[in-house]
C-alpha atoms as a PDB file:
ATOM      1  CA  UNK A   1      22.842 -56.385  15.541  1.00  0.00           C
ATOM      2  CA  UNK A   2      18.855 -54.649  15.031  1.00  0.00           C
ATOM      3  CA  UNK A   3      18.195 -51.927  13.031  1.00  0.00           C
ATOM      4  CA  UNK A   4      18.182 -49.047  14.861  1.00  0.00           C
ATOM      5  CA  UNK A   5      15.705 -47.321  15.855  1.00  0.00           C
ATOM      6  CA  UNK A   6      13.450 -44.796  13.058  1.00  0.00           C
ATOM      7  CA  UNK A   7      11.453 -41.573  12.610  1.00  0.00           C
ATOM      8  CA  UNK A   8       9.034 -43.229  10.712  1.00  0.00           C
ATOM      9  CA  UNK A   9       9.166 -46.011  13.314  1.00  0.00           C
ATOM     10  CA  UNK A  10       8.862 -43.139  16.238  1.00  0.00           C
ATOM     11  CA  UNK A  11       6.219 -41.551  14.266  1.00  0.00           C
ATOM     12  CA  UNK A  12       3.794 -45.098  14.747  1.00  0.00           C
ATOM     13  CA  UNK A  13       4.280 -44.991  17.849  1.00  0.00           C
ATOM     14  CA  UNK A  14       2.671 -42.244  18.560  1.00  0.00           C
ATOM     15  CA  UNK A  15      -0.069 -43.036  16.300  1.00  0.00           C
ATOM     16  CA  UNK A  16      -1.026 -46.131  18.257  1.00  0.00           C
ATOM     17  CA  UNK A  17      -0.979 -44.543  21.508  1.00  0.00           C
ATOM     18  CA  UNK A  18      -3.110 -42.029  19.940  1.00  0.00           C
ATOM     19  CA  UNK A  19      -5.818 -44.102  18.259  1.00  0.00           C
ATOM     20  CA  UNK A  20      -7.127 -45.388  21.361  1.00  0.00           C
ATOM     21  CA  UNK A  21      -9.923 -43.177  21.871  1.00  0.00           C
ATOM     22  CA  UNK A  22     -13.832 -44.165  21.691  1.00  0.00           C
ATOM     23  CA  UNK A  23     -14.400 -41.092  19.716  1.00  0.00           C
ATOM     24  CA  UNK A  24     -12.878 -41.843  15.941  1.00  0.00           C
ATOM     25  CA  UNK A  25     -13.195 -38.042  15.059  1.00  0.00           C
ATOM     26  CA  UNK A  26     -10.700 -37.632  18.256  1.00  0.00           C
ATOM     27  CA  UNK A  27      -8.484 -40.078  16.514  1.00  0.00           C
ATOM     28  CA  UNK A  28      -8.826 -38.690  13.597  1.00  0.00           C
ATOM     29  CA  UNK A  29      -7.923 -35.467  13.830  1.00  0.00           C
ATOM     30  CA  UNK A  30      -4.741 -36.199  16.241  1.00  0.00           C
ATOM     31  CA  UNK A  31      -3.701 -38.236  14.450  1.00  0.00           C
ATOM     32  CA  UNK A  32      -3.593 -36.117  11.439  1.00  0.00           C
ATOM     33  CA  UNK A  33      -2.306 -33.163  13.834  1.00  0.00           C
ATOM     34  CA  UNK A  34       0.891 -35.456  14.180  1.00  0.00           C
ATOM     35  CA  UNK A  35       1.361 -36.639  10.878  1.00  0.00           C
ATOM     36  CA  UNK A  36       2.068 -32.758  10.191  1.00  0.00           C
ATOM     37  CA  UNK A  37       3.945 -31.787  13.076  1.00  0.00           C
ATOM     38  CA  UNK A  38       7.010 -34.903  12.469  1.00  0.00           C
ATOM     39  CA  UNK A  39       6.076 -33.532   8.743  1.00  0.00           C
ATOM     40  CA  UNK A  40       7.155 -30.566   9.770  1.00  0.00           C
ATOM     41  CA  UNK A  41       9.899 -31.073  11.704  1.00  0.00           C
ATOM     42  CA  UNK A  42      11.702 -33.047   9.495  1.00  0.00           C
ATOM     43  CA  UNK A  43      11.149 -31.466   6.644  1.00  0.00           C
ATOM     44  CA  UNK A  44      12.517 -28.367   8.397  1.00  0.00           C
ATOM     45  CA  UNK A  45      15.126 -30.361  10.351  1.00  0.00           C
ATOM     46  CA  UNK A  46      13.824 -27.948  13.411  1.00  0.00           C
ATOM     47  CA  UNK A  47      16.541 -27.227  15.802  1.00  0.00           C
ATOM     48  CA  UNK A  48      16.120 -27.756  19.737  1.00  0.00           C
ATOM     49  CA  UNK A  49      16.349 -23.547  20.081  1.00  0.00           C
ATOM     50  CA  UNK A  50      13.951 -23.567  16.947  1.00  0.00           C
ATOM     51  CA  UNK A  51      11.417 -26.116  18.458  1.00  0.00           C
ATOM     52  CA  UNK A  52      11.366 -23.505  22.284  1.00  0.00           C
ATOM     53  CA  UNK A  53      11.235 -19.971  20.543  1.00  0.00           C
ATOM     54  CA  UNK A  54       8.299 -22.144  19.204  1.00  0.00           C
ATOM     55  CA  UNK A  55       7.499 -23.818  22.540  1.00  0.00           C
ATOM     56  CA  UNK A  56       7.334 -20.126  23.549  1.00  0.00           C
ATOM     57  CA  UNK A  57       5.038 -18.342  21.039  1.00  0.00           C
ATOM     58  CA  UNK A  58       2.914 -20.579  22.011  1.00  0.00           C
ATOM     59  CA  UNK A  59       3.056 -19.775  26.320  1.00  0.00           C
ATOM     60  CA  UNK A  60       3.228 -15.895  25.346  1.00  0.00           C
ATOM     61  CA  UNK A  61       0.570 -15.892  23.193  1.00  0.00           C
ATOM     62  CA  UNK A  62      -1.141 -18.122  25.886  1.00  0.00           C
ATOM     63  CA  UNK A  63      -0.574 -15.029  28.057  1.00  0.00           C
ATOM     64  CA  UNK A  64      -2.036 -12.097  25.466  1.00  0.00           C
ATOM     65  CA  UNK A  65      -5.293 -13.891  26.224  1.00  0.00           C
ATOM     66  CA  UNK A  66      -8.006 -13.288  28.577  1.00  0.00           C
ATOM     67  CA  UNK A  67     -11.611 -12.647  28.363  1.00  0.00           C
ATOM     68  CA  UNK A  68     -11.687  -9.667  25.820  1.00  0.00           C
ATOM     69  CA  UNK A  69      -8.801 -10.432  23.891  1.00  0.00           C
ATOM     70  CA  UNK A  70      -7.888 -14.098  23.077  1.00  0.00           C
ATOM     71  CA  UNK A  71      -4.347 -14.085  20.784  1.00  0.00           C
ATOM     72  CA  UNK A  72      -4.773 -17.528  19.684  1.00  0.00           C
ATOM     73  CA  UNK A  73      -7.720 -16.741  17.563  1.00  0.00           C
ATOM     74  CA  UNK A  74      -5.399 -13.723  16.026  1.00  0.00           C
ATOM     75  CA  UNK A  75      -2.355 -15.768  15.634  1.00  0.00           C
ATOM     76  CA  UNK A  76      -4.638 -18.443  13.365  1.00  0.00           C
ATOM     77  CA  UNK A  77      -5.710 -15.208  11.425  1.00  0.00           C
ATOM     78  CA  UNK A  78      -2.717 -13.849  10.050  1.00  0.00           C
ATOM     79  CA  UNK A  79      -1.291 -17.891   9.221  1.00  0.00           C
ATOM     80  CA  UNK A  80      -4.510 -17.504   7.267  1.00  0.00           C
ATOM     81  CA  UNK A  81      -5.538 -21.206   9.065  1.00  0.00           C
ATOM     82  CA  UNK A  82      -9.303 -19.222   9.918  1.00  0.00           C
ATOM     83  CA  UNK A  83     -10.123 -18.003   7.023  1.00  0.00           C
ATOM     84  CA  UNK A  84      -8.855 -21.868   5.798  1.00  0.00           C
ATOM     85  CA  UNK A  85     -11.333 -23.507   8.706  1.00  0.00           C
ATOM     86  CA  UNK A  86     -14.862 -21.377   6.997  1.00  0.00           C
ATOM     87  CA  UNK A  87     -13.813 -21.968   3.410  1.00  0.00           C
ATOM     88  CA  UNK A  88     -13.455 -25.383   4.021  1.00  0.00           C
ATOM     89  CA  UNK A  89     -16.848 -25.335   6.376  1.00  0.00           C
ATOM     90  CA  UNK A  90     -18.409 -23.968   3.289  1.00  0.00           C
ATOM     91  CA  UNK A  91     -17.993 -25.433  -0.379  1.00  0.00           C
ATOM     92  CA  UNK A  92     -21.969 -25.218  -1.128  1.00  0.00           C
ATOM     93  CA  UNK A  93     -22.661 -22.824  -4.760  1.00  0.00           C
ATOM     94  CA  UNK A  94     -24.135 -20.072  -4.115  1.00  0.00           C
ATOM     95  CA  UNK A  95     -24.085 -18.541  -0.080  1.00  0.00           C
ATOM     96  CA  UNK A  96     -22.693 -15.959   0.868  1.00  0.00           C
ATOM     97  CA  UNK A  97     -18.675 -15.960   1.337  1.00  0.00           C
ATOM     98  CA  UNK A  98     -17.605 -16.248   4.962  1.00  0.00           C
ATOM     99  CA  UNK A  99     -14.359 -15.128   6.485  1.00  0.00           C
ATOM    100  CA  UNK A 100     -12.542 -14.828   9.482  1.00  0.00           C
ATOM    101  CA  UNK A 101     -14.273 -14.508  13.362  1.00  0.00           C
ATOM    102  CA  UNK A 102     -11.797 -12.389  14.476  1.00  0.00           C
ATOM    103  CA  UNK A 103     -10.586 -11.993  18.307  1.00  0.00           C
ATOM    104  CA  UNK A 104     -12.695 -10.141  19.361  1.00  0.00           C
ATOM    105  CA  UNK A 105     -16.298 -11.041  19.331  1.00  0.00           C
ATOM    106  CA  UNK A 106     -18.699 -10.563  22.527  1.00  0.00           C
ATOM    107  CA  UNK A 107     -21.690 -12.891  23.326  1.00  0.00           C
ATOM    108  CA  UNK A 108     -24.488 -10.842  24.606  1.00  0.00           C
ATOM    109  CA  UNK A 109     -24.730  -8.305  22.297  1.00  0.00           C
ATOM    110  CA  UNK A 110     -28.010  -6.499  23.184  1.00  0.00           C
ATOM    111  CA  UNK A 111     -31.292  -7.376  21.008  1.00  0.00           C
ATOM    112  CA  UNK A 112     -31.892  -4.216  18.497  1.00  0.00           C
ATOM    113  CA  UNK A 113     -35.082  -3.314  17.537  1.00  0.00           C
ATOM    114  CA  UNK A 114     -35.629  -3.694  13.083  1.00  0.00           C
ATOM    115  CA  UNK A 115     -33.322  -0.629  11.670  1.00  0.00           C
ATOM    116  CA  UNK A 116     -31.807   1.104  15.636  1.00  0.00           C
ATOM    117  CA  UNK A 117     -28.008   1.503  15.168  1.00  0.00           C
ATOM    118  CA  UNK A 118     -24.910  -0.076  17.043  1.00  0.00           C
ATOM    119  CA  UNK A 119     -23.553   3.278  18.342  1.00  0.00           C
ATOM    120  CA  UNK A 120     -24.423   4.258  21.042  1.00  0.00           C
ATOM    121  CA  UNK A 121     -21.579   6.693  21.953  1.00  0.00           C
ATOM    122  CA  UNK A 122     -22.046   9.182  19.686  1.00  0.00           C
ATOM    123  CA  UNK A 123     -18.451   9.822  17.396  1.00  0.00           C
ATOM    124  CA  UNK A 124     -20.414  12.623  15.141  1.00  0.00           C
ATOM    125  CA  UNK A 125     -19.949  10.343  11.680  1.00  0.00           C
ATOM    126  CA  UNK A 126     -23.185  10.298  10.052  1.00  0.00           C
ATOM    127  CA  UNK A 127     -25.189   7.396  10.366  1.00  0.00           C
ATOM    128  CA  UNK A 128     -25.074   4.785   7.349  1.00  0.00           C
ATOM    129  CA  UNK A 129     -27.991   2.345   6.707  1.00  0.00           C
ATOM    130  CA  UNK A 130     -27.328  -1.652   5.647  1.00  0.00           C
ATOM    131  CA  UNK A 131     -30.516  -3.099   4.760  1.00  0.00           C
ATOM    132  CA  UNK A 132     -31.127  -5.723   2.420  1.00  0.00           C
ATOM    133  CA  UNK A 133     -32.518  -9.625   2.572  1.00  0.00           C
ATOM    134  CA  UNK A 134     -31.837 -13.217   4.701  1.00  0.00           C
ATOM    135  CA  UNK A 135     -32.432 -16.143   1.522  1.00  0.00           C
ATOM    136  CA  UNK A 136     -32.106 -19.655   1.253  1.00  0.00           C
ATOM    137  CA  UNK A 137     -29.077 -20.188  -1.673  1.00  0.00           C
ATOM    138  CA  UNK A 138     -32.309 -21.135  -3.426  1.00  0.00           C
ATOM    139  CA  UNK A 139     -33.881 -17.281  -3.282  1.00  0.00           C
ATOM    140  CA  UNK A 140     -36.415 -18.139  -0.156  1.00  0.00           C
ATOM    141  CA  UNK A 141     -36.324 -15.853   1.722  1.00  0.00           C
ATOM    142  CA  UNK A 142     -35.961 -16.561   5.805  1.00  0.00           C
ATOM    143  CA  UNK A 143     -37.743 -14.966   8.993  1.00  0.00           C
ATOM    144  CA  UNK A 144     -36.926 -14.775  12.079  1.00  0.00           C
ATOM    145  CA  UNK A 145     -33.046 -15.088  10.723  1.00  0.00           C
ATOM    146  CA  UNK A 146     -30.485 -13.741  13.696  1.00  0.00           C
ATOM    147  CA  UNK A 147     -28.132 -11.168  12.924  1.00  0.00           C
ATOM    148  CA  UNK A 148     -25.230 -10.484  14.987  1.00  0.00           C
ATOM    149  CA  UNK A 149     -23.242  -7.139  14.009  1.00  0.00           C
ATOM    150  CA  UNK A 150     -20.310  -5.564  16.217  1.00  0.00           C
ATOM    151  CA  UNK A 151     -17.413  -3.721  13.971  1.00  0.00           C
ATOM    152  CA  UNK A 152     -14.955  -0.790  15.367  1.00  0.00           C
ATOM    153  CA  UNK A 153     -15.734   2.056  16.170  1.00  0.00           C
ATOM    154  CA  UNK A 154     -14.886   5.662  14.108  1.00  0.00           C
ATOM    155  CA  UNK A 155     -12.349   6.157  16.771  1.00  0.00           C
ATOM    156  CA  UNK A 156     -10.685   2.728  15.294  1.00  0.00           C
ATOM    157  CA  UNK A 157     -10.988   1.018  18.755  1.00  0.00           C
ATOM    158  CA  UNK A 158     -13.641  -1.557  19.529  1.00  0.00           C
ATOM    159  CA  UNK A 159     -15.105  -1.215  22.522  1.00  0.00           C
ATOM    160  CA  UNK A 160     -13.477  -4.022  24.542  1.00  0.00           C
ATOM    161  CA  UNK A 161     -10.041  -1.606  23.733  1.00  0.00           C
ATOM    162  CA  UNK A 162     -11.308   1.879  24.875  1.00  0.00           C
ATOM    163  CA  UNK A 163     -11.815   1.910  28.897  1.00  0.00           C
ATOM    164  CA  UNK A 164     -13.616   5.639  27.730  1.00  0.00           C
ATOM    165  CA  UNK A 165     -16.270   3.315  25.858  1.00  0.00           C
ATOM    166  CA  UNK A 166     -19.382   1.829  26.904  1.00  0.00           C
ATOM    167  CA  UNK A 167     -19.930  -1.385  27.141  1.00  0.00           C
ATOM    168  CA  UNK A 168     -21.837  -3.086  23.886  1.00  0.00           C
ATOM    169  CA  UNK A 169     -21.031  -0.198  21.335  1.00  0.00           C
ATOM    170  CA  UNK A 170     -21.239  -0.550  18.478  1.00  0.00           C
ATOM    171  CA  UNK A 171     -22.704  -4.427  18.539  1.00  0.00           C
ATOM    172  CA  UNK A 172     -26.289  -5.451  18.141  1.00  0.00           C
ATOM    173  CA  UNK A 173     -28.318  -8.687  17.563  1.00  0.00           C
ATOM    174  CA  UNK A 174     -31.265  -8.271  15.071  1.00  0.00           C
ATOM    175  CA  UNK A 175     -34.091 -10.307  13.463  1.00  0.00           C
ATOM    176  CA  UNK A 176     -35.645 -10.216   9.603  1.00  0.00           C
ATOM    177  CA  UNK A 177     -38.822  -9.512   8.971  1.00  0.00           C
ATOM    178  CA  UNK A 178     -41.172 -11.733   7.806  1.00  0.00           C
ATOM    179  CA  UNK A 179     -40.094 -11.743   3.712  1.00  0.00           C
ATOM    180  CA  UNK A 180     -36.180 -12.179   5.232  1.00  0.00           C
ATOM    181  CA  UNK A 181     -35.424  -8.220   4.733  1.00  0.00           C
ATOM    182  CA  UNK A 182     -33.706  -6.728   8.178  1.00  0.00           C
ATOM    183  CA  UNK A 183     -32.191  -2.949   8.549  1.00  0.00           C
ATOM    184  CA  UNK A 184     -29.583  -1.426  10.719  1.00  0.00           C
ATOM    185  CA  UNK A 185     -28.042   1.794  11.526  1.00  0.00           C
ATOM    186  CA  UNK A 186     -23.949   2.272  12.076  1.00  0.00           C
ATOM    187  CA  UNK A 187     -21.726   4.574  10.951  1.00  0.00           C
ATOM    188  CA  UNK A 188     -18.932   3.855   7.977  1.00  0.00           C
ATOM    189  CA  UNK A 189     -16.404   1.232   9.285  1.00  0.00           C
ATOM    190  CA  UNK A 190     -12.580   2.722   9.547  1.00  0.00           C
ATOM    191  CA  UNK A 191      -9.371   0.953   8.345  1.00  0.00           C
ATOM    192  CA  UNK A 192      -7.597  -0.421  12.065  1.00  0.00           C
ATOM    193  CA  UNK A 193      -4.747  -2.162  12.650  1.00  0.00           C
ATOM    194  CA  UNK A 194      -4.954  -5.308  14.165  1.00  0.00           C
ATOM    195  CA  UNK A 195      -2.827  -5.507  18.088  1.00  0.00           C
ATOM    196  CA  UNK A 196       0.643  -5.577  17.678  1.00  0.00           C
ATOM    197  CA  UNK A 197       1.462  -5.644  20.865  1.00  0.00           C
ATOM    198  CA  UNK A 198       1.718  -9.600  21.580  1.00  0.00           C
ATOM    199  CA  UNK A 199       2.998 -12.601  19.597  1.00  0.00           C
ATOM    200  CA  UNK A 200       1.165 -12.426  16.657  1.00  0.00           C
ATOM    201  CA  UNK A 201       1.370  -8.967  15.468  1.00  0.00           C
ATOM    202  CA  UNK A 202       5.784 -10.095  16.522  1.00  0.00           C
ATOM    203  CA  UNK A 203       5.375 -12.663  13.544  1.00  0.00           C
ATOM    204  CA  UNK A 204       3.621  -9.635  11.502  1.00  0.00           C
ATOM    205  CA  UNK A 205       6.713  -8.007  11.867  1.00  0.00           C
ATOM    206  CA  UNK A 206       9.450 -10.248  11.565  1.00  0.00           C
ATOM    207  CA  UNK A 207       7.570 -11.476   7.916  1.00  0.00           C
ATOM    208  CA  UNK A 208       7.639  -7.328   6.764  1.00  0.00           C
ATOM    209  CA  UNK A 209       4.187  -7.912   7.359  1.00  0.00           C
ATOM    210  CA  UNK A 210       1.664  -5.373   8.205  1.00  0.00           C
ATOM    211  CA  UNK A 211      -1.101  -5.228  10.732  1.00  0.00           C
ATOM    212  CA  UNK A 212      -3.433  -3.336   9.416  1.00  0.00           C
ATOM    213  CA  UNK A 213      -7.388  -4.322   8.523  1.00  0.00           C
ATOM    214  CA  UNK A 214      -9.569  -2.619   5.773  1.00  0.00           C
ATOM    215  CA  UNK A 215     -12.690  -1.418   6.736  1.00  0.00           C
ATOM    216  CA  UNK A 216     -15.918  -2.996   7.444  1.00  0.00           C
ATOM    217  CA  UNK A 217     -18.329  -4.961   9.287  1.00  0.00           C
ATOM    218  CA  UNK A 218     -18.309  -7.903  10.892  1.00  0.00           C
ATOM    219  CA  UNK A 219     -21.860 -10.156  10.770  1.00  0.00           C
ATOM    220  CA  UNK A 220     -22.915 -13.710  11.577  1.00  0.00           C
ATOM    221  CA  UNK A 221     -26.522 -14.656  10.734  1.00  0.00           C
ATOM    222  CA  UNK A 222     -27.918 -18.300  11.920  1.00  0.00           C
ATOM    223  CA  UNK A 223     -31.013 -19.288  11.179  1.00  0.00           C
ATOM    224  CA  UNK A 224     -32.611 -22.798  12.089  1.00  0.00           C
ATOM    225  CA  UNK A 225     -31.840 -25.590   9.680  1.00  0.00           C
ATOM    226  CA  UNK A 226     -29.197 -23.451   7.707  1.00  0.00           C
ATOM    227  CA  UNK A 227     -25.395 -23.307   7.780  1.00  0.00           C
ATOM    228  CA  UNK A 228     -24.166 -20.156  10.202  1.00  0.00           C
ATOM    229  CA  UNK A 229     -22.556 -17.707   7.984  1.00  0.00           C
ATOM    230  CA  UNK A 230     -19.022 -15.634   9.910  1.00  0.00           C
ATOM    231  CA  UNK A 231     -18.412 -13.159   6.700  1.00  0.00           C
ATOM    232  CA  UNK A 232     -17.703  -9.113   6.837  1.00  0.00           C
ATOM    233  CA  UNK A 233     -18.879  -6.750   4.420  1.00  0.00           C
ATOM    234  CA  UNK A 234     -15.843  -4.291   2.993  1.00  0.00           C
ATOM    235  CA  UNK A 235     -15.996  -0.760   2.380  1.00  0.00           C
ATOM    236  CA  UNK A 236     -15.463  -1.209  -1.004  1.00  0.00           C
ATOM    237  CA  UNK A 237     -12.870   2.821  -0.730  1.00  0.00           C
ATOM    238  CA  UNK A 238     -10.984   1.285   2.013  1.00  0.00           C
ATOM    239  CA  UNK A 239      -7.124   0.921   1.945  1.00  0.00           C
ATOM    240  CA  UNK A 240      -5.614  -2.346   2.790  1.00  0.00           C
ATOM    241  CA  UNK A 241      -8.512  -4.555   0.711  1.00  0.00           C
ATOM    242  CA  UNK A 242      -5.401  -5.578  -1.449  1.00  0.00           C
ATOM    243  CA  UNK A 243      -2.885  -6.881   1.557  1.00  0.00           C
ATOM    244  CA  UNK A 244      -5.426  -7.324   4.590  1.00  0.00           C
ATOM    245  CA  UNK A 245      -3.405  -8.782   7.461  1.00  0.00           C
ATOM    246  CA  UNK A 246      -5.906 -12.098   8.615  1.00  0.00           C
ATOM    247  CA  UNK A 247      -6.304 -12.950   4.472  1.00  0.00           C
ATOM    248  CA  UNK A 248     -10.310 -12.083   4.638  1.00  0.00           C
ATOM    249  CA  UNK A 249     -11.012  -9.796   1.891  1.00  0.00           C
ATOM    250  CA  UNK A 250     -13.324 -11.752  -0.853  1.00  0.00           C
ATOM    251  CA  UNK A 251     -14.832  -9.935  -4.053  1.00  0.00           C
ATOM    252  CA  UNK A 252     -18.579 -10.472  -3.428  1.00  0.00           C
ATOM    253  CA  UNK A 253     -18.164  -9.053  -0.127  1.00  0.00           C
ATOM    254  CA  UNK A 254     -17.119  -5.611  -1.362  1.00  0.00           C
ATOM    255  CA  UNK A 255     -19.790  -2.857  -1.402  1.00  0.00           C
ATOM    256  CA  UNK A 256     -19.641   1.341  -1.742  1.00  0.00           C
ATOM    257  CA  UNK A 257     -20.227   2.447   1.404  1.00  0.00           C
ATOM    258  CA  UNK A 258     -20.099   6.059   0.335  1.00  0.00           C
ATOM    259  CA  UNK A 259     -23.734   6.741   0.710  1.00  0.00           C
ATOM    260  CA  UNK A 260     -25.988   7.132   3.355  1.00  0.00           C
ATOM    261  CA  UNK A 261     -27.092   3.078   2.658  1.00  0.00           C
ATOM    262  CA  UNK A 262     -26.221  -0.211   2.266  1.00  0.00           C
ATOM    263  CA  UNK A 263     -27.372  -2.644   0.072  1.00  0.00           C
ATOM    264  CA  UNK A 264     -26.849  -6.201   0.714  1.00  0.00           C
ATOM    265  CA  UNK A 265     -28.043 -10.062   0.924  1.00  0.00           C
ATOM    266  CA  UNK A 266     -27.146 -12.909   2.875  1.00  0.00           C
ATOM    267  CA  UNK A 267     -27.773 -16.148   1.304  1.00  0.00           C
ATOM    268  CA  UNK A 268     -27.609 -19.826   3.617  1.00  0.00           C
ATOM    269  CA  UNK A 269     -27.047 -22.898   2.399  1.00  0.00           C
ATOM    270  CA  UNK A 270     -29.316 -25.496   3.670  1.00  0.00           C
ATOM    271  CA  UNK A 271     -27.502 -28.064   6.341  1.00  0.00           C
ATOM    272  CA  UNK A 272     -27.432 -30.878   4.182  1.00  0.00           C
ATOM    273  CA  UNK A 273     -25.481 -28.856   1.299  1.00  0.00           C
END
C-alpha cells in the first residue's frame, strides 16, 4: 500500500507550481510566501472556521479601502509589517531612520515656495517653522532634494477625513536649496486616532490595543542617486510615544516642538550603499 500524501508532499507540489515564472524574483517571493503560510497553518492547527474568518477579514479590508483610504496599509502598519519593510530597506548606518508611510498620503500635493505654510485653513494654532539640511550620509549637502510633507490638522483629522477641509490642506512639496537647506511652516502636530471603524480597528480592539498615534509630521525625502526615505518627525511632548499603534517611533526622530521652530536634518543613503 502506498504511503499517504503528506502535508510536506502537498507543499512540494504547490511550490513546484509556483516555480515557472520567467521572472526569478516572482518565483522567490511566491514560494517564500507559500512556505510561511503553510507553516502558519500547520503550527497553529488552523481550523476551517478560523481560515474562513481570516478570508472574511481580508474581504472586509478590501471593501473598506478606496481612493482616500487604504485599509490594507493600515492593517500592515498595525501588524508592524510596514515598519519592518522600511527597516529592511534602510540598513546602512548614518541615514535618517525610516518609519511607516501611513494610509493617508496623496499624490499631487502642491509645490510650495521655500518657507511657505502647508496649512490652507486657519485653526488658530501658532505656526511652527521647520528648517534643516538634507545631506548625503557622508555630509555632502544635496541641492534640489524633494520633500513631500503632510500631517493631521489641529482638529486631529487629515484633509481626506474632513469634508469641510480644503483639498490638500496640510500638504506640500518643497525643494532643498543649493546648500541643501529647506524650510516650511506648519503647526504643532497633534496625537490622533487612526481609523477604528474597519477591520484593522476591530483587530486592535480584539487584542486590547489602542489606536492612537503620537503627534508627528510625515516627510518623504528623495533625490536622484539616493535612496528615498519615508519618515516622520515626532513631538517629544506627545502622548503615545511609547505605545504607537503602528510601531513607528524611533528615538532619533523625536524633537522638541514646544517653541516656534524645529530644526531637523535629513541624511540620505546613496543607492549603492
